Amino acid sequence: MFIEKMSYTPDIKDGFHQMVMMYKEMLDSARKETESEDEAYKLADHAFACLMRSQKDEEDNENKEF
């Protein structure tokens, strides 16, 4: 697989760490807002996916301007 052959630079590792920490915060918040662990994971997954999609859309729009 390509991902297994990637060179994980300190910047990439830092980016992964930041993403994990953001997801953890979303999950902790979702646990307070839901009644079950399953619902909390679904809510955190949804929020995180929306955040990533929003970031991707923002980057795509920036690239179109140039």
N, C-alpha and C. Protein backbone atom coordinates (compact mmCIF):
# COMPACT_ATOMS: atom_id res chain seq x y z
N MET A 1 0.83 -1.19 0.00
CA MET A 1 0.00 0.00 0.00
C MET A 1 0.87 1.25 0.00
N PHE A 2 0.37 2.28 -0.63
CA PHE A 2 1.10 3.54 -0.70
C PHE A 2 1.33 4.14 0.69
N ILE A 3 0.31 4.09 1.54
CA ILE A 3 0.44 4.73 2.86
C ILE A 3 1.55 4.09 3.70
N GLU A 4 1.81 2.81 3.48
CA GLU A 4 2.86 2.13 4.23
C GLU A 4 4.25 2.56 3.77
N LYS A 5 4.35 3.08 2.55
CA LYS A 5 5.64 3.49 2.00
C LYS A 5 5.90 4.98 2.16
N MET A 6 4.94 5.69 2.75
CA MET A 6 5.10 7.13 2.91
C MET A 6 6.21 7.45 3.90
N SER A 7 6.84 8.56 3.67
CA SER A 7 7.83 9.06 4.60
C SER A 7 7.12 10.01 5.57
N TYR A 8 7.06 9.63 6.81
CA TYR A 8 6.35 10.43 7.79
C TYR A 8 7.28 11.46 8.41
N THR A 9 7.24 12.65 7.83
CA THR A 9 8.08 13.74 8.32
C THR A 9 7.50 14.26 9.63
N PRO A 10 8.29 15.03 10.38
CA PRO A 10 7.76 15.61 11.61
C PRO A 10 6.49 16.45 11.38
N ASP A 11 6.40 17.15 10.25
CA ASP A 11 5.20 17.95 9.96
C ASP A 11 3.97 17.06 9.76
N ILE A 12 4.15 15.95 9.06
CA ILE A 12 3.04 15.02 8.85
C ILE A 12 2.62 14.41 10.18
N LYS A 13 3.56 14.00 10.98
CA LYS A 13 3.24 13.43 12.29
C LYS A 13 2.53 14.45 13.16
N ASP A 14 2.97 15.69 13.12
CA ASP A 14 2.32 16.75 13.90
C ASP A 14 0.89 16.96 13.41
N GLY A 15 0.70 16.94 12.10
CA GLY A 15 -0.64 17.09 11.54
C GLY A 15 -1.57 15.97 11.98
N PHE A 16 -1.08 14.73 11.95
CA PHE A 16 -1.88 13.59 12.42
C PHE A 16 -2.22 13.76 13.90
N HIS A 17 -1.25 14.17 14.69
CA HIS A 17 -1.47 14.36 16.12
C HIS A 17 -2.55 15.41 16.36
N GLN A 18 -2.49 16.51 15.63
CA GLN A 18 -3.49 17.56 15.77
C GLN A 18 -4.88 17.07 15.39
N MET A 19 -4.96 16.26 14.33
CA MET A 19 -6.25 15.71 13.92
C MET A 19 -6.82 14.77 14.99
N VAL A 20 -5.97 13.95 15.57
CA VAL A 20 -6.42 13.05 16.63
C VAL A 20 -6.90 13.84 17.83
N MET A 21 -6.20 14.89 18.19
CA MET A 21 -6.59 15.70 19.33
C MET A 21 -7.93 16.41 19.06
N MET A 22 -8.14 16.89 17.83
CA MET A 22 -9.42 17.52 17.49
C MET A 22 -10.55 16.50 17.59
N TYR A 23 -10.31 15.29 17.07
CA TYR A 23 -11.35 14.26 17.13
C TYR A 23 -11.66 13.91 18.58
N LYS A 24 -10.62 13.82 19.39
CA LYS A 24 -10.82 13.48 20.81
C LYS A 24 -11.69 14.53 21.50
N GLU A 25 -11.44 15.80 21.21
CA GLU A 25 -12.25 16.87 21.80
C GLU A 25 -13.70 16.78 21.33
N MET A 26 -13.89 16.50 20.04
CA MET A 26 -15.25 16.36 19.51
C MET A 26 -15.96 15.18 20.16
N LEU A 27 -15.24 14.08 20.33
CA LEU A 27 -15.83 12.89 20.95
C LEU A 27 -16.19 13.16 22.40
N ASP A 28 -15.31 13.82 23.13
CA ASP A 28 -15.61 14.16 24.53
C ASP A 28 -16.86 15.03 24.63
N SER A 29 -16.96 16.00 23.72
CA SER A 29 -18.14 16.87 23.71
C SER A 29 -19.39 16.08 23.33
N ALA A 30 -19.27 15.21 22.34
CA ALA A 30 -20.42 14.41 21.90
C ALA A 30 -20.89 13.48 23.01
N ARG A 31 -19.99 12.99 23.82
CA ARG A 31 -20.37 12.11 24.94
C ARG A 31 -21.27 12.85 25.93
N LYS A 32 -21.03 14.14 26.09
CA LYS A 32 -21.84 14.95 27.01
C LYS A 32 -23.22 15.23 26.42
N GLU A 33 -23.31 15.23 25.09
CA GLU A 33 -24.55 15.60 24.41
C GLU A 33 -25.44 14.42 24.05
N THR A 34 -24.92 13.21 24.15
CA THR A 34 -25.69 12.04 23.74
C THR A 34 -25.88 11.09 24.90
N GLU A 35 -26.73 10.11 24.67
CA GLU A 35 -27.06 9.17 25.74
C GLU A 35 -26.29 7.86 25.67
N SER A 36 -25.63 7.60 24.54
CA SER A 36 -24.89 6.34 24.42
C SER A 36 -23.55 6.59 23.75
N GLU A 37 -22.66 5.66 23.96
CA GLU A 37 -21.33 5.73 23.34
C GLU A 37 -21.43 5.64 21.82
N ASP A 38 -22.33 4.81 21.34
CA ASP A 38 -22.52 4.65 19.90
C ASP A 38 -22.97 5.96 19.26
N GLU A 39 -23.93 6.63 19.91
CA GLU A 39 -24.41 7.92 19.40
C GLU A 39 -23.29 8.96 19.44
N ALA A 40 -22.48 8.91 20.48
CA ALA A 40 -21.37 9.87 20.61
C ALA A 40 -20.37 9.70 19.46
N TYR A 41 -20.03 8.46 19.15
CA TYR A 41 -19.10 8.22 18.04
C TYR A 41 -19.71 8.65 16.71
N LYS A 42 -20.99 8.38 16.51
CA LYS A 42 -21.65 8.80 15.26
C LYS A 42 -21.63 10.32 15.13
N LEU A 43 -21.93 11.03 16.22
CA LEU A 43 -21.94 12.48 16.19
C LEU A 43 -20.54 13.04 15.96
N ALA A 44 -19.55 12.49 16.65
CA ALA A 44 -18.17 12.94 16.48
C ALA A 44 -17.68 12.65 15.07
N ASP A 45 -17.99 11.48 14.54
CA ASP A 45 -17.60 11.13 13.17
C ASP A 45 -18.21 12.11 12.17
N HIS A 46 -19.49 12.41 12.36
CA HIS A 46 -20.18 13.33 11.46
C HIS A 46 -19.56 14.73 11.53
N ALA A 47 -19.33 15.22 12.74
CA ALA A 47 -18.76 16.56 12.91
C ALA A 47 -17.35 16.62 12.32
N PHE A 48 -16.55 15.59 12.55
CA PHE A 48 -15.18 15.57 12.07
C PHE A 48 -15.16 15.50 10.53
N ALA A 49 -16.02 14.67 9.96
CA ALA A 49 -16.10 14.56 8.49
C ALA A 49 -16.51 15.90 7.88
N CYS A 50 -17.46 16.58 8.50
CA CYS A 50 -17.88 17.90 8.00
C CYS A 50 -16.74 18.90 8.09
N LEU A 51 -15.99 18.86 9.16
CA LEU A 51 -14.85 19.76 9.32
C LEU A 51 -13.81 19.51 8.24
N MET A 52 -13.51 18.25 7.98
CA MET A 52 -12.52 17.90 6.95
C MET A 52 -13.02 18.29 5.56
N ARG A 53 -14.30 18.06 5.30
CA ARG A 53 -14.88 18.41 4.01
C ARG A 53 -14.86 19.92 3.82
N SER A 54 -15.17 20.66 4.86
CA SER A 54 -15.15 22.12 4.80
C SER A 54 -13.74 22.63 4.51
N GLN A 55 -12.76 22.03 5.16
CA GLN A 55 -11.37 22.42 4.93
C GLN A 55 -10.95 22.13 3.50
N LYS A 56 -11.35 20.97 2.98
CA LYS A 56 -11.02 20.58 1.61
C LYS A 56 -11.66 21.55 0.62
N ASP A 57 -12.93 21.89 0.85
CA ASP A 57 -13.63 22.84 -0.03
C ASP A 57 -12.94 24.20 -0.01
N GLU A 58 -12.50 24.62 1.16
CA GLU A 58 -11.81 25.90 1.30
C GLU A 58 -10.50 25.89 0.51
N GLU A 59 -9.75 24.79 0.61
CA GLU A 59 -8.49 24.67 -0.13
C GLU A 59 -8.74 24.65 -1.63
N ASP A 60 -9.79 23.94 -2.05
CA ASP A 60 -10.12 23.88 -3.47
C ASP A 60 -10.46 25.26 -4.01
N ASN A 61 -11.21 26.03 -3.23
CA ASN A 61 -11.58 27.38 -3.66
C ASN A 61 -10.36 28.29 -3.74
N GLU A 62 -9.41 28.13 -2.83
CA GLU A 62 -8.19 28.93 -2.86
C GLU A 62 -7.37 28.59 -4.10
N ASN A 63 -7.31 27.32 -4.45
CA ASN A 63 -6.54 26.89 -5.62
C ASN A 63 -7.16 27.37 -6.93
N LYS A 64 -8.46 27.53 -6.96
CA LYS A 64 -9.14 28.00 -8.18
C LYS A 64 -8.84 29.47 -8.44
N GLU A 65 -8.55 30.23 -7.39
CA GLU A 65 -8.28 31.65 -7.55
C GLU A 65 -6.95 31.93 -8.23
N PHE A 66 -6.07 30.97 -8.20
CA PHE A 66 -4.72 31.20 -8.77
C PHE A 66 -4.61 30.65 -10.13
